[in-house]
């Protein structure tokens, strides 16, 4: 049977994740060092795992409330208010989701009507554009550049926002560049958002991993709480990717509509994962801080080393990604990533999968052990030297 004639045109037009493509290629090879998928190399803290096991032993295996365990929602509200000065009511402003990805999905489906435009600063996480399209909207890329530290500016937002613009997606610290929007610029951007009457979908999944300054949540900027949908979770900062616990916080008028989508599509987040998340927020902040310090140490080493071997790279302010330029090699991002994997068994992600403005770059996750990072850098250095030799030979010929 020809399935294609029955498929949704929107779904058929969406490309598979470019990140997963290289992850799958690497998985089929022996001896590969993967700097591809954005996943902590730390194991979830033992007390968190134990809390999940205990919930099973106690027989807590039924559905929770659709919005999540009330104890967990209260703890999320306490955590956000204490650490980021963003107060939310656990009763009607916090929804526990199956990872931050589902939170993004329900948020966009709640606010986007067919034809609405959503601004997406690029390079950007690969899911933003497809999720906007699946909601019936039109993703509008907003390129940022290395010359400006991959920083989004208020002037860019001002120029790009048109009559059809409904919302803007902001990710800080950013995936894939690691850039963090400074508080002053964030305030300027927020003034434009309010002036243009936009909704901000603020992806703050890497908020725990801001290295050089205290993190500022967009929802904490004066006038922004009422028009911000805050997306976050425990995957990155607490090393809990496989537990699939995220959350979305927003004014009740938004949140209660999101809850309907969540009820019909997901019911609730996994019960045992919710108990694990509760333990992480109550007793796991020291472990999260320890992981953050180690990531910062790796960042400093890895970025310095990339520049030393000839790959120009700005110092990312957060997350656990480096986004070096490979333009000096004369290769495309796709070609560089493919050849590096084939020749040296190092997996990175080509920058173009994060949007056209990512062409000429690669994303490298430094959420790996120092030994792995050192070996990866040695292999990358050998690859670059060999390419340089080939280039000189070609020139001499």
Protein backbone atom coordinates (compact mmCIF):
# COMPACT_ATOMS: atom_id res chain seq x y z
CA UNK A 1 0.00 0.00 0.00
CA UNK A 2 1.15 3.51 -0.79
CA UNK A 3 1.09 5.19 2.60
CA UNK A 4 2.18 8.58 1.26
CA UNK A 5 -1.26 9.54 -0.05
CA UNK A 6 -2.71 9.18 3.45
CA UNK A 7 -0.07 11.19 5.26
CA UNK A 8 -0.41 14.69 6.66
CA UNK A 9 1.32 17.15 4.33
CA UNK A 10 2.70 19.00 7.33
CA UNK A 11 4.27 15.90 8.84
CA UNK A 12 5.62 14.74 5.48
CA UNK A 13 7.34 18.11 4.96
CA UNK A 14 9.25 17.93 8.25
CA UNK A 15 12.78 16.54 8.14
CA UNK A 16 13.97 14.01 10.73
CA UNK A 17 16.27 15.31 13.47
CA UNK A 18 19.77 15.96 12.16
CA UNK A 19 21.15 15.31 15.63
CA UNK A 20 19.71 11.80 15.73
CA UNK A 21 21.07 11.04 12.26
CA UNK A 22 24.67 11.38 13.45
CA UNK A 23 23.91 9.73 16.78
CA UNK A 24 22.55 6.69 14.94
CA UNK A 25 25.56 6.60 12.62
CA UNK A 26 27.93 6.71 15.59
CA UNK A 27 25.98 3.99 17.43
CA UNK A 28 26.74 1.54 14.63
CA UNK A 29 30.53 2.03 14.85
CA UNK A 30 33.03 0.73 17.38
CA UNK A 31 35.41 3.03 19.21
CA UNK A 32 33.45 6.22 18.57
CA UNK A 33 33.75 9.17 20.92
CA UNK A 34 30.41 10.92 20.79
CA UNK A 35 30.25 14.68 21.32
CA UNK A 36 26.89 14.68 19.63
CA UNK A 37 23.84 14.20 21.83
CA UNK A 38 23.28 16.76 24.58
CA UNK A 39 23.16 14.39 27.53
CA UNK A 40 25.03 14.59 30.84
CA UNK A 41 27.59 11.86 31.40
CA UNK A 42 26.77 11.91 35.11
CA UNK A 43 24.47 9.23 36.49
CA UNK A 44 21.40 10.49 38.34
CA UNK A 45 22.22 10.91 42.03
CA UNK A 46 21.70 7.79 44.14
CA UNK A 47 19.20 9.38 46.53
CA UNK A 48 17.06 10.36 43.53
CA UNK A 49 17.14 6.84 42.12
CA UNK A 50 16.37 5.46 45.56
CA UNK A 51 13.32 7.72 45.89
CA UNK A 52 11.95 6.29 42.65
CA UNK A 53 12.60 2.72 43.81
CA UNK A 54 10.90 3.46 47.12
CA UNK A 55 7.82 4.82 45.33
CA UNK A 56 7.53 1.52 43.46
CA UNK A 57 8.00 -0.50 46.62
CA UNK A 58 5.19 1.49 48.23
CA UNK A 59 2.96 0.68 45.29
CA UNK A 60 2.70 4.21 43.89
CA UNK A 61 2.09 2.96 40.37
CA UNK A 62 -1.21 4.63 39.50
CA UNK A 63 -1.82 7.83 37.55
CA UNK A 64 -1.17 11.09 39.35
CA UNK A 65 -3.27 14.20 38.86
CA UNK A 66 -3.04 15.34 35.25
CA UNK A 67 -1.01 18.39 36.26
CA UNK A 68 1.35 16.26 38.35
CA UNK A 69 1.83 15.46 42.01
CA UNK A 70 0.83 18.45 44.10
CA UNK A 71 3.94 17.95 46.26
CA UNK A 72 6.10 18.17 43.16
CA UNK A 73 4.32 21.24 41.81
CA UNK A 74 4.77 22.95 45.16
CA UNK A 75 8.46 22.09 45.14
CA UNK A 76 8.88 23.40 41.59
CA UNK A 77 7.19 26.64 42.61
CA UNK A 78 9.42 26.97 45.68
CA UNK A 79 12.57 26.21 43.66
CA UNK A 80 11.79 28.71 40.91
CA UNK A 81 10.86 31.47 43.33
CA UNK A 82 13.88 30.98 45.58
CA UNK A 83 16.48 30.55 42.86
CA UNK A 84 15.19 32.63 39.93
CA UNK A 85 12.64 34.97 41.55
CA UNK A 86 9.78 33.66 39.43
CA UNK A 87 6.78 32.85 41.64
CA UNK A 88 4.13 30.49 40.30
CA UNK A 89 1.07 28.98 41.95
CA UNK A 90 1.20 25.15 42.13
CA UNK A 91 -2.59 25.01 41.93
CA UNK A 92 -3.11 26.54 38.49
CA UNK A 93 0.19 27.82 37.03
CA UNK A 94 2.47 24.75 36.98
CA UNK A 95 2.11 21.65 34.80
CA UNK A 96 4.45 18.66 35.05
CA UNK A 97 5.20 17.27 31.58
CA UNK A 98 7.01 14.38 29.92
CA UNK A 99 10.25 16.29 29.53
CA UNK A 100 10.72 19.89 28.40
CA UNK A 101 10.02 18.74 24.83
CA UNK A 102 6.38 17.97 25.64
CA UNK A 103 6.16 21.26 27.51
CA UNK A 104 7.25 23.06 24.33
CA UNK A 105 4.71 21.12 22.30
CA UNK A 106 1.71 21.91 24.51
CA UNK A 107 2.79 25.54 24.88
CA UNK A 108 2.99 26.15 21.13
CA UNK A 109 -0.19 24.25 20.36
CA UNK A 110 -1.97 26.36 22.95
CA UNK A 111 -1.05 29.77 21.54
CA UNK A 112 -0.48 29.26 17.78
CA UNK A 113 -3.28 29.60 15.25
CA UNK A 114 -2.89 28.65 11.56
CA UNK A 115 -0.81 31.33 9.85
CA UNK A 116 0.64 32.82 13.03
CA UNK A 117 4.34 33.61 12.80
CA UNK A 118 6.76 32.65 15.56
CA UNK A 119 10.23 34.19 15.71
CA UNK A 120 13.02 31.69 16.33
CA UNK A 121 16.55 33.03 16.90
CA UNK A 122 18.99 30.79 15.01
CA UNK A 123 21.08 28.72 15.37
CA UNK A 124 18.30 27.04 17.35
CA UNK A 125 17.34 23.72 18.90
CA UNK A 126 16.10 21.48 16.11
CA UNK A 127 12.59 20.97 17.55
CA UNK A 128 11.40 24.59 17.60
CA UNK A 129 10.62 25.02 13.91
CA UNK A 130 8.88 21.64 13.46
CA UNK A 131 6.78 22.14 16.59
CA UNK A 132 5.64 25.54 15.33
CA UNK A 133 4.78 23.98 11.97
CA UNK A 134 2.89 21.11 13.62
CA UNK A 135 0.86 23.75 15.47
CA UNK A 136 -0.12 25.30 12.13
CA UNK A 137 2.18 28.27 12.49
CA UNK A 138 5.06 29.62 10.45
CA UNK A 139 8.55 29.56 11.99
CA UNK A 140 10.49 32.73 11.14
CA UNK A 141 14.28 32.40 11.57
CA UNK A 142 16.09 35.27 13.27
CA UNK A 143 19.81 34.74 12.56
CA UNK A 144 22.38 35.69 15.20
CA UNK A 145 26.11 35.78 14.52
CA UNK A 146 29.39 34.79 16.13
CA UNK A 147 30.61 38.37 15.83
CA UNK A 148 28.03 39.30 18.46
CA UNK A 149 28.69 36.22 20.59
CA UNK A 150 25.54 34.61 19.14
CA UNK A 151 23.55 37.13 21.18
CA UNK A 152 20.00 38.05 20.23
CA UNK A 153 19.42 41.81 20.26
CA UNK A 154 16.33 43.89 20.92
CA UNK A 155 16.84 45.66 17.57
CA UNK A 156 16.61 42.34 15.73
CA UNK A 157 13.34 41.50 17.41
CA UNK A 158 11.99 44.97 16.69
CA UNK A 159 12.79 44.69 12.98
CA UNK A 160 11.52 41.11 12.60
CA UNK A 161 8.19 41.40 14.42
CA UNK A 162 5.40 41.99 11.92
CA UNK A 163 1.60 42.06 11.94
CA UNK A 164 1.38 38.24 11.86
CA UNK A 165 3.94 37.67 14.61
CA UNK A 166 2.34 35.95 17.60
CA UNK A 167 5.30 34.81 19.68
CA UNK A 168 9.04 34.43 20.03
CA UNK A 169 10.95 31.41 21.30
CA UNK A 170 13.96 32.32 23.44
CA UNK A 171 16.52 29.79 24.66
CA UNK A 172 19.12 31.07 27.12
CA UNK A 173 21.55 29.46 27.82
CA UNK A 174 21.29 28.49 24.21
CA UNK A 175 21.40 25.16 22.47
CA UNK A 176 23.56 24.86 20.32
CA UNK A 177 25.78 27.93 20.90
CA UNK A 178 25.88 28.05 24.71
CA UNK A 179 25.33 31.82 24.62
CA UNK A 180 23.55 33.51 27.52
CA UNK A 181 21.56 36.69 26.93
CA UNK A 182 22.83 39.32 29.34
CA UNK A 183 20.36 40.83 31.79
CA UNK A 184 20.46 44.30 30.21
CA UNK A 185 19.79 43.00 26.72
CA UNK A 186 17.11 40.65 28.02
CA UNK A 187 15.37 43.66 29.56
CA UNK A 188 15.60 45.52 26.24
CA UNK A 189 14.19 42.50 24.38
CA UNK A 190 11.35 42.28 26.89
CA UNK A 191 10.40 45.89 26.21
CA UNK A 192 10.10 45.09 22.51
CA UNK A 193 8.05 41.98 23.28
CA UNK A 194 5.64 44.08 25.33
CA UNK A 195 5.54 46.86 22.74
CA UNK A 196 4.76 44.39 19.95
CA UNK A 197 2.25 42.51 22.15
CA UNK A 198 4.00 39.15 21.73
CA UNK A 199 4.06 36.01 23.82
CA UNK A 200 7.49 34.71 24.85
CA UNK A 201 8.12 30.98 25.06
CA UNK A 202 11.23 30.92 27.24
CA UNK A 203 13.15 27.64 27.13
CA UNK A 204 15.14 27.68 30.38
CA UNK A 205 16.12 24.02 30.51
CA UNK A 206 19.80 25.04 30.94
CA UNK A 207 19.17 27.64 33.66
CA UNK A 208 21.13 25.55 36.19
CA UNK A 209 24.13 25.65 33.86
CA UNK A 210 24.95 29.39 33.59
CA UNK A 211 28.62 29.70 34.50
CA UNK A 212 29.79 33.29 34.62
CA UNK A 213 26.90 35.28 36.11
CA UNK A 214 23.69 34.73 38.03
CA UNK A 215 20.98 33.50 35.70
CA UNK A 216 18.12 35.86 34.87
CA UNK A 217 14.79 34.30 33.93
CA UNK A 218 12.77 36.15 31.32
CA UNK A 219 9.71 35.80 33.55
CA UNK A 220 11.52 37.75 36.28
CA UNK A 221 11.86 40.85 34.08
CA UNK A 222 9.26 43.50 35.02
CA UNK A 223 6.13 43.19 32.88
CA UNK A 224 7.07 39.78 31.45
CA UNK A 225 5.51 37.26 33.81
CA UNK A 226 2.05 37.76 32.31
CA UNK A 227 3.25 37.14 28.75
CA UNK A 228 5.91 34.47 29.35
CA UNK A 229 5.47 30.72 29.08
CA UNK A 230 8.42 29.28 30.99
CA UNK A 231 9.71 25.87 29.88
CA UNK A 232 12.16 23.85 31.96
CA UNK A 233 12.86 20.47 33.50
CA UNK A 234 15.39 18.32 35.32
CA UNK A 235 17.08 16.59 32.38
CA UNK A 236 20.17 18.75 32.03
CA UNK A 237 20.97 20.37 35.37
CA UNK A 238 20.09 17.29 37.44
CA UNK A 239 21.32 14.57 35.02
CA UNK A 240 17.83 13.10 34.60
CA UNK A 241 17.36 12.88 30.82
CA UNK A 242 15.82 9.40 30.75
CA UNK A 243 13.36 10.16 33.54
CA UNK A 244 11.44 12.47 31.19
CA UNK A 245 10.38 15.12 33.69
CA UNK A 246 9.81 18.67 32.53
CA UNK A 247 7.42 21.41 33.43
CA UNK A 248 5.73 24.46 32.03
CA UNK A 249 4.81 27.52 34.10
CA UNK A 250 2.48 30.25 32.90
CA UNK A 251 -0.42 32.46 33.98
CA UNK A 252 -3.53 30.39 34.71
CA UNK A 253 -5.26 31.58 31.53
CA UNK A 254 -2.58 29.85 29.46
CA UNK A 255 -1.84 26.95 31.76
CA UNK A 256 -5.39 25.65 32.02
CA UNK A 257 -5.65 25.45 28.22
CA UNK A 258 -2.34 23.58 28.07
CA UNK A 259 -3.69 21.16 30.65
CA UNK A 260 -6.44 20.13 28.22
CA UNK A 261 -3.90 19.14 25.57
CA UNK A 262 -1.88 17.30 28.20
CA UNK A 263 -4.98 15.45 29.46
CA UNK A 264 -5.94 14.17 26.04
CA UNK A 265 -2.48 13.38 24.70
CA UNK A 266 -0.42 12.31 27.71
CA UNK A 267 -2.61 11.94 30.84
CA UNK A 268 0.31 12.55 33.24
CA UNK A 269 4.07 12.27 33.56
CA UNK A 270 5.42 8.91 34.85
CA UNK A 271 4.59 8.56 38.54
CA UNK A 272 7.92 7.08 39.65
CA UNK A 273 9.78 9.81 37.76
CA UNK A 274 7.77 12.46 39.56
CA UNK A 275 8.82 11.07 42.94
CA UNK A 276 12.43 11.08 41.74
CA UNK A 277 12.08 14.71 40.65
CA UNK A 278 10.62 15.64 44.03
CA UNK A 279 13.69 14.19 45.75
CA UNK A 280 16.04 15.95 43.31
CA UNK A 281 14.54 19.36 44.02
CA UNK A 282 14.41 18.79 47.78
CA UNK A 283 17.84 17.23 48.30
CA UNK A 284 19.75 17.33 45.02
CA UNK A 285 20.81 20.96 44.62
CA UNK A 286 24.31 20.34 45.99
CA UNK A 287 24.86 17.58 43.45
CA UNK A 288 23.59 19.86 40.68
CA UNK A 289 26.03 22.56 41.77
CA UNK A 290 28.90 20.06 41.83
CA UNK A 291 28.08 18.93 38.28
CA UNK A 292 27.93 22.55 37.15
CA UNK A 293 31.42 23.23 38.50
CA UNK A 294 32.77 20.23 36.64
CA UNK A 295 31.09 21.30 33.40
CA UNK A 296 32.65 24.75 33.75
CA UNK A 297 36.09 23.17 34.17
CA UNK A 298 35.52 21.07 31.05
CA UNK A 299 34.23 24.09 29.13
CA UNK A 300 37.34 26.12 29.90
CA UNK A 301 39.64 23.28 28.84
CA UNK A 302 37.70 22.22 25.76
CA UNK A 303 37.13 25.68 24.27
CA UNK A 304 40.75 26.71 24.90
CA UNK A 305 41.92 23.52 23.21
CA UNK A 306 39.62 23.99 20.20
CA UNK A 307 41.13 27.41 19.58
CA UNK A 308 44.64 25.99 19.97
CA UNK A 309 44.11 23.31 17.30
CA UNK A 310 42.74 25.92 14.88
CA UNK A 311 38.98 25.83 15.34
CA UNK A 312 37.88 29.31 16.36
CA UNK A 313 35.35 29.10 19.19
CA UNK A 314 33.72 31.72 21.40
CA UNK A 315 33.46 31.01 25.13
CA UNK A 316 29.90 29.82 25.82
CA UNK A 317 28.31 31.26 28.95
CA UNK A 318 26.16 28.23 29.71
CA UNK A 319 24.75 24.81 28.74
CA UNK A 320 27.37 22.19 27.81
CA UNK A 321 28.02 22.91 24.14
CA UNK A 322 30.86 24.45 22.19
CA UNK A 323 30.03 25.79 18.73
CA UNK A 324 33.36 26.16 16.89
CA UNK A 325 33.73 27.52 13.39
CA UNK A 326 35.06 25.10 10.78
CA UNK A 327 35.03 27.68 7.98
CA UNK A 328 38.84 27.74 7.81
CA UNK A 329 38.78 24.15 6.54
CA UNK A 330 36.76 25.02 3.46
CA UNK A 331 34.40 22.17 4.24
CA UNK A 332 30.68 22.36 4.82
CA UNK A 333 29.36 21.50 8.26
CA UNK A 334 27.86 18.27 6.94
CA UNK A 335 31.05 17.24 5.15
CA UNK A 336 33.22 18.03 8.16
CA UNK A 337 31.04 16.01 10.54
CA UNK A 338 30.80 13.03 8.19
CA UNK A 339 34.54 12.88 7.46
CA UNK A 340 35.50 13.38 11.10
CA UNK A 341 33.27 10.45 12.05
CA UNK A 342 34.56 8.20 9.26
CA UNK A 343 38.26 9.06 9.61
CA UNK A 344 38.68 9.64 13.33
CA UNK A 345 35.52 8.19 14.90
CA UNK A 346 34.53 11.42 16.61
CA UNK A 347 30.83 12.27 16.39
CA UNK A 348 29.79 15.92 16.32
CA UNK A 349 26.66 17.59 14.98
CA UNK A 350 26.85 19.74 11.82
CA UNK A 351 25.78 23.30 12.57
CA UNK A 352 23.39 23.53 9.64
CA UNK A 353 20.88 21.22 11.36
CA UNK A 354 20.23 24.13 13.74
CA UNK A 355 19.27 26.43 10.87
CA UNK A 356 20.99 28.02 7.88
CA UNK A 357 22.94 30.42 10.10
CA UNK A 358 24.60 27.40 11.71
CA UNK A 359 26.36 26.48 8.46
CA UNK A 360 30.13 26.70 8.91
CA UNK A 361 29.99 25.46 12.51
CA UNK A 362 29.72 22.20 14.42
CA UNK A 363 28.19 21.51 17.82
CA UNK A 364 30.30 19.62 20.31
CA UNK A 365 28.94 18.55 23.68
CA UNK A 366 31.56 18.64 26.41
CA UNK A 367 29.35 16.60 28.76
CA UNK A 368 31.95 13.83 28.61
CA UNK A 369 34.83 12.82 30.85
CA UNK A 370 38.09 14.75 30.59
CA UNK A 371 39.80 11.64 29.21
CA UNK A 372 37.20 11.38 26.47
CA UNK A 373 37.50 15.09 25.67
CA UNK A 374 41.28 14.89 25.51
CA UNK A 375 41.18 11.91 23.15
CA UNK A 376 38.52 13.56 21.00
CA UNK A 377 40.66 16.69 20.70
CA UNK A 378 43.72 14.61 19.75
CA UNK A 379 41.72 12.94 17.00
CA UNK A 380 40.28 16.23 15.80
CA UNK A 381 43.78 17.73 15.72
CA UNK A 382 45.05 14.82 13.62
CA UNK A 383 42.08 15.23 11.29
CA UNK A 384 42.74 18.95 10.84
CA UNK A 385 46.46 18.43 10.23
CA UNK A 386 45.72 15.80 7.61
CA UNK A 387 43.18 18.05 5.88
CA UNK A 388 45.65 20.91 5.93
CA UNK A 389 48.28 18.66 4.37
CA UNK A 390 45.86 17.59 1.66
CA UNK A 391 44.99 21.21 0.98
CA UNK A 392 48.68 22.21 0.69
CA UNK A 393 49.34 19.27 -1.62
CA UNK A 394 46.49 20.29 -3.84
CA UNK A 395 47.76 23.85 -3.97
CA UNK A 396 51.30 22.73 -4.81
CA UNK A 397 50.04 20.56 -7.62
